[in-house]
């Protein structure tokens, strides 16, 4: 399998994992976050004019391994998540966005 297609396959597998997680499957820890807590930020990253993140969402973002989460940014649109909104969350929660994210 070519290197590029292998990366694409991994991205689609991860997308499937995220979809199943958001759909109520058993929680797993991803980038220092229990996957069931990711839904606390869903409103702040979907739609054209999402509300600002609330304190619960910011609590999730503060405990996250942000560089790790950045590695998943390419699959966000497939999950209905606006990448621009998601990448703005750290700043809206008083954190710095990781470099190269």
PDB file of N, CA and C in Angstrom:
ATOM      1  N   UNK A   1       0.852  -1.174   0.000  1.00  0.00           N
ATOM      2  CA  UNK A   1       0.000   0.000   0.000  1.00  0.00           C
ATOM      3  C   UNK A   1       0.893   1.230   0.000  1.00  0.00           C
ATOM      4  N   UNK A   2       0.566   2.214  -0.765  1.00  0.00           N
ATOM      5  CA  UNK A   2       1.344   3.436  -0.836  1.00  0.00           C
ATOM      6  C   UNK A   2       1.230   4.204   0.472  1.00  0.00           C
ATOM      7  N   UNK A   3       2.258   4.981   0.768  1.00  0.00           N
ATOM      8  CA  UNK A   3       2.312   5.716   2.015  1.00  0.00           C
ATOM      9  C   UNK A   3       1.125   6.659   2.160  1.00  0.00           C
ATOM     10  N   UNK A   4       0.791   7.396   1.116  1.00  0.00           N
ATOM     11  CA  UNK A   4      -0.321   8.335   1.168  1.00  0.00           C
ATOM     12  C   UNK A   4      -1.654   7.656   1.403  1.00  0.00           C
ATOM     13  N   UNK A   5      -1.884   6.531   0.741  1.00  0.00           N
ATOM     14  CA  UNK A   5      -3.161   5.848   0.922  1.00  0.00           C
ATOM     15  C   UNK A   5      -3.254   5.207   2.303  1.00  0.00           C
ATOM     16  N   UNK A   6      -2.123   4.817   2.868  1.00  0.00           N
ATOM     17  CA  UNK A   6      -2.116   4.290   4.231  1.00  0.00           C
ATOM     18  C   UNK A   6      -2.519   5.358   5.224  1.00  0.00           C
ATOM     19  N   UNK A   7      -2.030   6.581   5.017  1.00  0.00           N
ATOM     20  CA  UNK A   7      -2.388   7.699   5.891  1.00  0.00           C
ATOM     21  C   UNK A   7      -3.879   7.991   5.766  1.00  0.00           C
ATOM     22  N   UNK A   8      -4.405   7.952   4.553  1.00  0.00           N
ATOM     23  CA  UNK A   8      -5.822   8.196   4.338  1.00  0.00           C
ATOM     24  C   UNK A   8      -6.661   7.135   5.034  1.00  0.00           C
ATOM     25  N   UNK A   9      -6.249   5.897   4.944  1.00  0.00           N
ATOM     26  CA  UNK A   9      -6.968   4.816   5.604  1.00  0.00           C
ATOM     27  C   UNK A   9      -7.003   5.038   7.109  1.00  0.00           C
ATOM     28  N   UNK A  10      -5.880   5.419   7.688  1.00  0.00           N
ATOM     29  CA  UNK A  10      -5.822   5.685   9.120  1.00  0.00           C
ATOM     30  C   UNK A  10      -6.757   6.831   9.481  1.00  0.00           C
ATOM     31  N   UNK A  11      -6.786   7.881   8.657  1.00  0.00           N
ATOM     32  CA  UNK A  11      -7.678   9.007   8.931  1.00  0.00           C
ATOM     33  C   UNK A  11      -9.136   8.567   8.900  1.00  0.00           C
ATOM     34  N   UNK A  12      -9.502   7.731   7.940  1.00  0.00           N
ATOM     35  CA  UNK A  12     -10.886   7.255   7.870  1.00  0.00           C
ATOM     36  C   UNK A  12     -11.218   6.333   9.035  1.00  0.00           C
ATOM     37  N   UNK A  13     -10.264   5.530   9.457  1.00  0.00           N
ATOM     38  CA  UNK A  13     -10.500   4.684  10.620  1.00  0.00           C
ATOM     39  C   UNK A  13     -10.696   5.528  11.872  1.00  0.00           C
ATOM     40  N   UNK A  14      -9.891   6.578  12.011  1.00  0.00           N
ATOM     41  CA  UNK A  14     -10.048   7.477  13.147  1.00  0.00           C
ATOM     42  C   UNK A  14     -11.378   8.215  13.084  1.00  0.00           C
ATOM     43  N   UNK A  15     -11.787   8.606  11.880  1.00  0.00           N
ATOM     44  CA  UNK A  15     -13.088   9.261  11.718  1.00  0.00           C
ATOM     45  C   UNK A  15     -14.199   8.317  12.181  1.00  0.00           C
ATOM     46  N   UNK A  16     -14.105   7.077  11.800  1.00  0.00           N
ATOM     47  CA  UNK A  16     -15.087   6.090  12.243  1.00  0.00           C
ATOM     48  C   UNK A  16     -15.098   5.939  13.752  1.00  0.00           C
ATOM     49  N   UNK A  17     -13.910   5.975  14.352  1.00  0.00           N
ATOM     50  CA  UNK A  17     -13.799   5.893  15.800  1.00  0.00           C
ATOM     51  C   UNK A  17     -14.492   7.086  16.448  1.00  0.00           C
ATOM     52  N   UNK A  18     -14.211   8.288  15.947  1.00  0.00           N
ATOM     53  CA  UNK A  18     -14.839   9.478  16.503  1.00  0.00           C
ATOM     54  C   UNK A  18     -16.350   9.419  16.345  1.00  0.00           C
ATOM     55  N   UNK A  19     -16.820   9.007  15.190  1.00  0.00           N
ATOM     56  CA  UNK A  19     -18.261   8.931  14.954  1.00  0.00           C
ATOM     57  C   UNK A  19     -18.901   7.956  15.931  1.00  0.00           C
ATOM     58  N   UNK A  20     -18.280   6.813  16.125  1.00  0.00           N
ATOM     59  CA  UNK A  20     -18.852   5.847  17.061  1.00  0.00           C
ATOM     60  C   UNK A  20     -18.793   6.376  18.490  1.00  0.00           C
ATOM     61  N   UNK A  21     -17.741   7.140  18.802  1.00  0.00           N
ATOM     62  CA  UNK A  21     -17.633   7.696  20.143  1.00  0.00           C
ATOM     63  C   UNK A  21     -18.705   8.740  20.388  1.00  0.00           C
ATOM     64  N   UNK A  22     -18.932   9.596  19.426  1.00  0.00           N
ATOM     65  CA  UNK A  22     -19.931  10.637  19.587  1.00  0.00           C
ATOM     66  C   UNK A  22     -21.334  10.054  19.577  1.00  0.00           C
ATOM     67  N   UNK A  23     -21.450   8.857  19.059  1.00  0.00           N
ATOM     68  CA  UNK A  23     -22.756   8.217  18.995  1.00  0.00           C
ATOM     69  C   UNK A  23     -23.115   7.441  20.249  1.00  0.00           C
ATOM     70  N   UNK A  24     -22.286   7.467  21.274  1.00  0.00           N
ATOM     71  CA  UNK A  24     -22.637   6.845  22.534  1.00  0.00           C
ATOM     72  C   UNK A  24     -21.927   5.534  22.817  1.00  0.00           C
ATOM     73  N   UNK A  25     -20.920   5.195  22.057  1.00  0.00           N
ATOM     74  CA  UNK A  25     -20.168   3.976  22.337  1.00  0.00           C
ATOM     75  C   UNK A  25     -19.397   4.160  23.636  1.00  0.00           C
ATOM     76  N   UNK A  26     -18.810   3.096  24.132  1.00  0.00           N
ATOM     77  CA  UNK A  26     -18.038   3.168  25.360  1.00  0.00           C
ATOM     78  C   UNK A  26     -16.896   4.173  25.213  1.00  0.00           C
ATOM     79  N   UNK A  27     -16.676   4.967  26.238  1.00  0.00           N
ATOM     80  CA  UNK A  27     -15.668   6.023  26.205  1.00  0.00           C
ATOM     81  C   UNK A  27     -14.261   5.442  26.216  1.00  0.00           C
ATOM     82  N   UNK A  28     -13.373   6.134  25.530  1.00  0.00           N
ATOM     83  CA  UNK A  28     -11.950   5.826  25.561  1.00  0.00           C
ATOM     84  C   UNK A  28     -11.215   7.135  25.806  1.00  0.00           C
ATOM     85  N   UNK A  29      -9.962   7.034  26.236  1.00  0.00           N
ATOM     86  CA  UNK A  29      -9.157   8.224  26.462  1.00  0.00           C
ATOM     87  C   UNK A  29      -8.383   8.520  25.181  1.00  0.00           C
ATOM     88  N   UNK A  30      -8.518   9.750  24.715  1.00  0.00           N
ATOM     89  CA  UNK A  30      -7.846  10.198  23.505  1.00  0.00           C
ATOM     90  C   UNK A  30      -7.254  11.570  23.788  1.00  0.00           C
ATOM     91  N   UNK A  31      -5.952  11.704  23.674  1.00  0.00           N
ATOM     92  CA  UNK A  31      -5.269  12.992  23.897  1.00  0.00           C
ATOM     93  C   UNK A  31      -5.588  13.555  25.284  1.00  0.00           C
ATOM     94  N   UNK A  32      -5.601  12.703  26.286  1.00  0.00           N
ATOM     95  CA  UNK A  32      -5.877  13.044  27.687  1.00  0.00           C
ATOM     96  C   UNK A  32      -7.335  13.429  27.957  1.00  0.00           C
ATOM     97  N   UNK A  33      -8.233  13.083  27.072  1.00  0.00           N
ATOM     98  CA  UNK A  33      -9.652  13.403  27.255  1.00  0.00           C
ATOM     99  C   UNK A  33     -10.464  12.118  27.136  1.00  0.00           C
ATOM    100  N   UNK A  34     -11.392  11.911  28.074  1.00  0.00           N
ATOM    101  CA  UNK A  34     -12.366  10.837  27.897  1.00  0.00           C
ATOM    102  C   UNK A  34     -13.244  11.237  26.722  1.00  0.00           C
ATOM    103  N   UNK A  35     -13.385  10.354  25.776  1.00  0.00           N
ATOM    104  CA  UNK A  35     -14.107  10.686  24.548  1.00  0.00           C
ATOM    105  C   UNK A  35     -15.538  11.151  24.804  1.00  0.00           C
ATOM    106  N   UNK A  36     -16.169  10.672  25.872  1.00  0.00           N
ATOM    107  CA  UNK A  36     -17.532  11.114  26.144  1.00  0.00           C
ATOM    108  C   UNK A  36     -17.598  12.588  26.539  1.00  0.00           C
ATOM    109  N   UNK A  37     -16.489  13.173  26.943  1.00  0.00           N
ATOM    110  CA  UNK A  37     -16.461  14.595  27.310  1.00  0.00           C
ATOM    111  C   UNK A  37     -16.295  15.504  26.093  1.00  0.00           C
ATOM    112  N   UNK A  38     -15.915  14.943  24.961  1.00  0.00           N
ATOM    113  CA  UNK A  38     -15.783  15.762  23.758  1.00  0.00           C
ATOM    114  C   UNK A  38     -17.111  16.402  23.371  1.00  0.00           C
ATOM    115  N   UNK A  39     -18.204  15.772  23.712  1.00  0.00           N
ATOM    116  CA  UNK A  39     -19.510  16.322  23.369  1.00  0.00           C
ATOM    117  C   UNK A  39     -19.786  17.629  24.107  1.00  0.00           C
ATOM    118  N   UNK A  40     -19.082  17.902  25.189  1.00  0.00           N
ATOM    119  CA  UNK A  40     -19.263  19.154  25.924  1.00  0.00           C
ATOM    120  C   UNK A  40     -18.873  20.370  25.080  1.00  0.00           C
ATOM    121  N   UNK A  41     -18.071  20.144  24.041  1.00  0.00           N
ATOM    122  CA  UNK A  41     -17.631  21.246  23.175  1.00  0.00           C
ATOM    123  C   UNK A  41     -18.329  21.235  21.821  1.00  0.00           C
ATOM    124  N   UNK A  42     -19.214  20.331  21.604  1.00  0.00           N
ATOM    125  CA  UNK A  42     -19.833  20.179  20.278  1.00  0.00           C
ATOM    126  C   UNK A  42     -20.515  21.461  19.800  1.00  0.00           C
ATOM    127  N   UNK A  43     -21.279  22.123  20.647  1.00  0.00           N
ATOM    128  CA  UNK A  43     -21.988  23.335  20.226  1.00  0.00           C
ATOM    129  C   UNK A  43     -21.015  24.434  19.802  1.00  0.00           C
ATOM    130  N   UNK A  44     -19.862  24.513  20.452  1.00  0.00           N
ATOM    131  CA  UNK A  44     -18.890  25.577  20.182  1.00  0.00           C
ATOM    132  C   UNK A  44     -18.097  25.358  18.899  1.00  0.00           C
ATOM    133  N   UNK A  45     -18.211  24.188  18.282  1.00  0.00           N
ATOM    134  CA  UNK A  45     -17.411  23.905  17.082  1.00  0.00           C
ATOM    135  C   UNK A  45     -18.253  23.541  15.861  1.00  0.00           C
ATOM    136  N   UNK A  46     -19.562  23.606  15.990  1.00  0.00           N
ATOM    137  CA  UNK A  46     -20.424  23.274  14.851  1.00  0.00           C
ATOM    138  C   UNK A  46     -21.226  24.497  14.435  1.00  0.00           C
ATOM    139  N   UNK A  47     -21.601  24.527  13.197  1.00  0.00           N
ATOM    140  CA  UNK A  47     -22.404  25.626  12.667  1.00  0.00           C
ATOM    141  C   UNK A  47     -21.568  26.817  12.251  1.00  0.00           C
ATOM    142  N   UNK A  48     -22.239  27.788  11.653  1.00  0.00           N
ATOM    143  CA  UNK A  48     -21.544  28.970  11.140  1.00  0.00           C
ATOM    144  C   UNK A  48     -21.252  29.991  12.226  1.00  0.00           C
ATOM    145  N   UNK A  49     -22.149  30.151  13.173  1.00  0.00           N
ATOM    146  CA  UNK A  49     -21.983  31.124  14.253  1.00  0.00           C
ATOM    147  C   UNK A  49     -22.207  30.444  15.598  1.00  0.00           C
ATOM    148  N   UNK A  50     -21.274  29.605  16.002  1.00  0.00           N
ATOM    149  CA  UNK A  50     -21.480  28.852  17.241  1.00  0.00           C
ATOM    150  C   UNK A  50     -21.340  29.757  18.468  1.00  0.00           C
ATOM    151  N   UNK A  51     -21.948  29.352  19.558  1.00  0.00           N
ATOM    152  CA  UNK A  51     -21.785  30.111  20.796  1.00  0.00           C
ATOM    153  C   UNK A  51     -20.356  29.933  21.318  1.00  0.00           C
ATOM    154  N   UNK A  52     -19.911  30.831  22.185  1.00  0.00           N
ATOM    155  CA  UNK A  52     -18.587  30.639  22.774  1.00  0.00           C
ATOM    156  C   UNK A  52     -18.591  29.392  23.649  1.00  0.00           C
ATOM    157  N   UNK A  53     -17.426  28.801  23.841  1.00  0.00           N
ATOM    158  CA  UNK A  53     -17.379  27.615  24.700  1.00  0.00           C
ATOM    159  C   UNK A  53     -17.746  27.987  26.135  1.00  0.00           C
ATOM    160  N   UNK A  54     -18.464  27.102  26.796  1.00  0.00           N
ATOM    161  CA  UNK A  54     -18.778  27.349  28.200  1.00  0.00           C
ATOM    162  C   UNK A  54     -17.648  26.823  29.077  1.00  0.00           C
ATOM    163  N   UNK A  55     -17.781  26.994  30.369  1.00  0.00           N
ATOM    164  CA  UNK A  55     -16.706  26.609  31.295  1.00  0.00           C
ATOM    165  C   UNK A  55     -16.447  25.103  31.274  1.00  0.00           C
ATOM    166  N   UNK A  56     -17.491  24.306  31.074  1.00  0.00           N
ATOM    167  CA  UNK A  56     -17.295  22.848  31.010  1.00  0.00           C
ATOM    168  C   UNK A  56     -16.441  22.480  29.801  1.00  0.00           C
ATOM    169  N   UNK A  57     -16.746  23.086  28.656  1.00  0.00           N
ATOM    170  CA  UNK A  57     -15.951  22.836  27.450  1.00  0.00           C
ATOM    171  C   UNK A  57     -14.508  23.271  27.680  1.00  0.00           C
ATOM    172  N   UNK A  58     -14.320  24.458  28.235  1.00  0.00           N
ATOM    173  CA  UNK A  58     -12.955  24.949  28.471  1.00  0.00           C
ATOM    174  C   UNK A  58     -12.201  24.042  29.438  1.00  0.00           C
ATOM    175  N   UNK A  59     -12.907  23.463  30.391  1.00  0.00           N
ATOM    176  CA  UNK A  59     -12.273  22.503  31.297  1.00  0.00           C
ATOM    177  C   UNK A  59     -11.735  21.298  30.538  1.00  0.00           C
ATOM    178  N   UNK A  60     -12.487  20.842  29.554  1.00  0.00           N
ATOM    179  CA  UNK A  60     -12.045  19.720  28.714  1.00  0.00           C
ATOM    180  C   UNK A  60     -10.805  20.133  27.916  1.00  0.00           C
ATOM    181  N   UNK A  61     -10.856  21.327  27.321  1.00  0.00           N
ATOM    182  CA  UNK A  61      -9.748  21.808  26.503  1.00  0.00           C
ATOM    183  C   UNK A  61      -8.494  22.000  27.348  1.00  0.00           C
ATOM    184  N   UNK A  62      -8.648  22.481  28.570  1.00  0.00           N
ATOM    185  CA  UNK A  62      -7.483  22.706  29.446  1.00  0.00           C
ATOM    186  C   UNK A  62      -6.772  21.414  29.824  1.00  0.00           C
ATOM    187  N   UNK A  63      -7.488  20.311  29.913  1.00  0.00           N
ATOM    188  CA  UNK A  63      -6.851  19.047  30.279  1.00  0.00           C
ATOM    189  C   UNK A  63      -6.322  18.281  29.069  1.00  0.00           C
ATOM    190  N   UNK A  64      -6.675  18.738  27.879  1.00  0.00           N
ATOM    191  CA  UNK A  64      -6.313  18.027  26.652  1.00  0.00           C
ATOM    192  C   UNK A  64      -4.845  18.200  26.296  1.00  0.00           C
ATOM    193  N   UNK A  65      -4.323  17.212  25.621  1.00  0.00           N
ATOM    194  CA  UNK A  65      -3.014  17.306  24.988  1.00  0.00           C
ATOM    195  C   UNK A  65      -3.280  17.957  23.628  1.00  0.00           C
ATOM    196  N   UNK A  66      -3.121  19.278  23.566  1.00  0.00           N
ATOM    197  CA  UNK A  66      -3.503  20.019  22.359  1.00  0.00           C
ATOM    198  C   UNK A  66      -2.711  19.615  21.118  1.00  0.00           C
ATOM    199  N   UNK A  67      -1.391  19.409  21.195  1.00  0.00           N
ATOM    200  CA  UNK A  67      -0.692  18.944  19.986  1.00  0.00           C
ATOM    201  C   UNK A  67      -1.243  17.610  19.478  1.00  0.00           C
ATOM    202  N   UNK A  68      -1.634  16.743  20.388  1.00  0.00           N
ATOM    203  CA  UNK A  68      -2.232  15.467  19.992  1.00  0.00           C
ATOM    204  C   UNK A  68      -3.553  15.708  19.268  1.00  0.00           C
ATOM    205  N   UNK A  69      -4.407  16.573  19.815  1.00  0.00           N
ATOM    206  CA  UNK A  69      -5.680  16.873  19.165  1.00  0.00           C
ATOM    207  C   UNK A  69      -5.482  17.493  17.794  1.00  0.00           C
ATOM    208  N   UNK A  70      -4.446  18.303  17.653  1.00  0.00           N
ATOM    209  CA  UNK A  70      -4.165  18.927  16.354  1.00  0.00           C
ATOM    210  C   UNK A  70      -3.902  17.887  15.273  1.00  0.00           C
ATOM    211  N   UNK A  71      -3.367  16.758  15.666  1.00  0.00           N
ATOM    212  CA  UNK A  71      -3.073  15.727  14.670  1.00  0.00           C
ATOM    213  C   UNK A  71      -4.346  15.154  14.045  1.00  0.00           C
ATOM    214  N   UNK A  72      -5.506  15.421  14.644  1.00  0.00           N
ATOM    215  CA  UNK A  72      -6.786  14.932  14.126  1.00  0.00           C
ATOM    216  C   UNK A  72      -7.557  15.997  13.355  1.00  0.00           C
ATOM    217  N   UNK A  73      -6.999  17.189  13.178  1.00  0.00           N
ATOM    218  CA  UNK A  73      -7.763  18.288  12.586  1.00  0.00           C
ATOM    219  C   UNK A  73      -8.234  17.999  11.165  1.00  0.00           C
ATOM    220  N   UNK A  74      -7.541  17.157  10.432  1.00  0.00           N
ATOM    221  CA  UNK A  74      -7.945  16.892   9.048  1.00  0.00           C
ATOM    222  C   UNK A  74      -9.230  16.080   8.944  1.00  0.00           C
ATOM    223  N   UNK A  75      -9.628  15.398  10.001  1.00  0.00           N
ATOM    224  CA  UNK A  75     -10.858  14.602   9.939  1.00  0.00           C
ATOM    225  C   UNK A  75     -12.065  15.332  10.510  1.00  0.00           C
ATOM    226  N   UNK A  76     -11.863  16.513  11.067  1.00  0.00           N
ATOM    227  CA  UNK A  76     -12.965  17.226  11.701  1.00  0.00           C
ATOM    228  C   UNK A  76     -14.140  17.502  10.770  1.00  0.00           C
ATOM    229  N   UNK A  77     -13.915  17.986   9.544  1.00  0.00           N
ATOM    230  CA  UNK A  77     -15.064  18.245   8.665  1.00  0.00           C
ATOM    231  C   UNK A  77     -15.920  17.005   8.412  1.00  0.00           C
ATOM    232  N   UNK A  78     -15.317  15.846   8.357  1.00  0.00           N
ATOM    233  CA  UNK A  78     -16.076  14.609   8.144  1.00  0.00           C
ATOM    234  C   UNK A  78     -16.997  14.311   9.321  1.00  0.00           C
ATOM    235  N   UNK A  79     -16.708  14.927  10.464  1.00  0.00           N
ATOM    236  CA  UNK A  79     -17.524  14.722  11.658  1.00  0.00           C
ATOM    237  C   UNK A  79     -18.521  15.853  11.876  1.00  0.00           C
ATOM    238  N   UNK A  80     -18.597  16.768  10.899  1.00  0.00           N
ATOM    239  CA  UNK A  80     -19.495  17.900  11.024  1.00  0.00           C
ATOM    240  C   UNK A  80     -18.962  19.009  11.907  1.00  0.00           C
ATOM    241  N   UNK A  81     -17.658  18.990  12.149  1.00  0.00           N
ATOM    242  CA  UNK A  81     -17.024  19.986  13.008  1.00  0.00           C
ATOM    243  C   UNK A  81     -16.306  20.996  12.138  1.00  0.00           C
ATOM    244  N   UNK A  82     -16.561  22.265  12.390  1.00  0.00           N
ATOM    245  CA  UNK A  82     -15.906  23.345  11.676  1.00  0.00           C
ATOM    246  C   UNK A  82     -14.481  23.465  12.208  1.00  0.00           C
ATOM    247  N   UNK A  83     -13.482  23.186  11.353  1.00  0.00           N
ATOM    248  CA  UNK A  83     -12.077  23.189  11.777  1.00  0.00           C
ATOM    249  C   UNK A  83     -11.652  24.534  12.329  1.00  0.00           C
ATOM    250  N   UNK A  84     -12.093  25.609  11.680  1.00  0.00           N
ATOM    251  CA  UNK A  84     -11.730  26.957  12.134  1.00  0.00           C
ATOM    252  C   UNK A  84     -12.231  27.187  13.557  1.00  0.00           C
ATOM    253  N   UNK A  85     -13.471  26.797  13.828  1.00  0.00           N
ATOM    254  CA  UNK A  85     -14.036  26.946  15.173  1.00  0.00           C
ATOM    255  C   UNK A  85     -13.290  26.081  16.189  1.00  0.00           C
ATOM    256  N   UNK A  86     -12.983  24.858  15.798  1.00  0.00           N
ATOM    257  CA  UNK A  86     -12.290  23.952  16.708  1.00  0.00           C
ATOM    258  C   UNK A  86     -10.897  24.466  17.044  1.00  0.00           C
ATOM    259  N   UNK A  87     -10.184  24.978  16.044  1.00  0.00           N
ATOM    260  CA  UNK A  87      -8.826  25.469  16.288  1.00  0.00           C
ATOM    261  C   UNK A  87      -8.819  26.777  17.074  1.00  0.00           C
ATOM    262  N   UNK A  88      -9.958  27.462  17.139  1.00  0.00           N
ATOM    263  CA  UNK A  88     -10.060  28.691  17.930  1.00  0.00           C
ATOM    264  C   UNK A  88     -10.385  28.415  19.397  1.00  0.00           C
ATOM    265  N   UNK A  89     -10.799  27.203  19.728  1.00  0.00           N
ATOM    266  CA  UNK A  89     -11.190  26.889  21.101  1.00  0.00           C
ATOM    267  C   UNK A  89     -10.105  27.179  22.134  1.00  0.00           C
ATOM    268  N   UNK A  90      -8.860  26.765  21.918  1.00  0.00           N
ATOM    269  CA  UNK A  90      -7.856  27.058  22.952  1.00  0.00           C
ATOM    270  C   UNK A  90      -7.773  28.548  23.283  1.00  0.00           C
ATOM    271  N   UNK A  91      -7.749  29.399  22.279  1.00  0.00           N
ATOM    272  CA  UNK A  91      -7.686  30.838  22.512  1.00  0.00           C
ATOM    273  C   UNK A  91      -8.903  31.355  23.261  1.00  0.00           C
ATOM    274  N   UNK A  92     -10.074  30.833  22.926  1.00  0.00           N
ATOM    275  CA  UNK A  92     -11.300  31.259  23.596  1.00  0.00           C
ATOM    276  C   UNK A  92     -11.358  30.776  25.045  1.00  0.00           C
ATOM    277  N   UNK A  93     -10.538  29.779  25.353  1.00  0.00           N
ATOM    278  CA  UNK A  93     -10.464  29.245  26.717  1.00  0.00           C
ATOM    279  C   UNK A  93      -9.223  29.736  27.456  1.00  0.00           C
ATOM    280  N   UNK A  94      -8.551  30.726  26.891  1.00  0.00           N
ATOM    281  CA  UNK A  94      -7.392  31.317  27.561  1.00  0.00           C
ATOM    282  C   UNK A  94      -6.095  30.554  27.402  1.00  0.00           C
ATOM    283  N   UNK A  95      -6.026  29.676  26.403  1.00  0.00           N
ATOM    284  CA  UNK A  95      -4.811  28.905  26.135  1.00  0.00           C
ATOM    285  C   UNK A  95      -4.223  29.317  24.799  1.00  0.00           C
ATOM    286  N   UNK A  96      -2.961  28.979  24.598  1.00  0.00           N
ATOM    287  CA  UNK A  96      -2.334  29.228  23.297  1.00  0.00           C
ATOM    288  C   UNK A  96      -2.537  28.010  22.409  1.00  0.00           C
ATOM    289  N   UNK A  97      -2.818  28.285  21.128  1.00  0.00           N
ATOM    290  CA  UNK A  97      -2.911  27.212  20.146  1.00  0.00           C
ATOM    291  C   UNK A  97      -1.510  26.662  19.933  1.00  0.00           C
ATOM    292  N   UNK A  98      -1.354  25.352  19.875  1.00  0.00           N
ATOM    293  CA  UNK A  98      -0.026  24.787  19.631  1.00  0.00           C
ATOM    294  C   UNK A  98       0.551  25.264  18.300  1.00  0.00           C
ATOM    295  N   UNK A  99       1.875  25.406  18.228  1.00  0.00           N
ATOM    296  CA  UNK A  99       2.492  25.791  16.948  1.00  0.00           C
ATOM    297  C   UNK A  99       2.220  24.711  15.896  1.00  0.00           C
ATOM    298  N   UNK A 100       2.154  25.136  14.651  1.00  0.00           N
ATOM    299  CA  UNK A 100       1.930  24.231  13.515  1.00  0.00           C
ATOM    300  C   UNK A 100       0.597  23.503  13.594  1.00  0.00           C
ATOM    301  N   UNK A 101      -0.382  24.137  14.198  1.00  0.00           N
ATOM    302  CA  UNK A 101      -1.696  23.499  14.298  1.00  0.00           C
ATOM    303  C   UNK A 101      -2.675  24.256  13.432  1.00  0.00           C
TER     304      UNK A 101
END
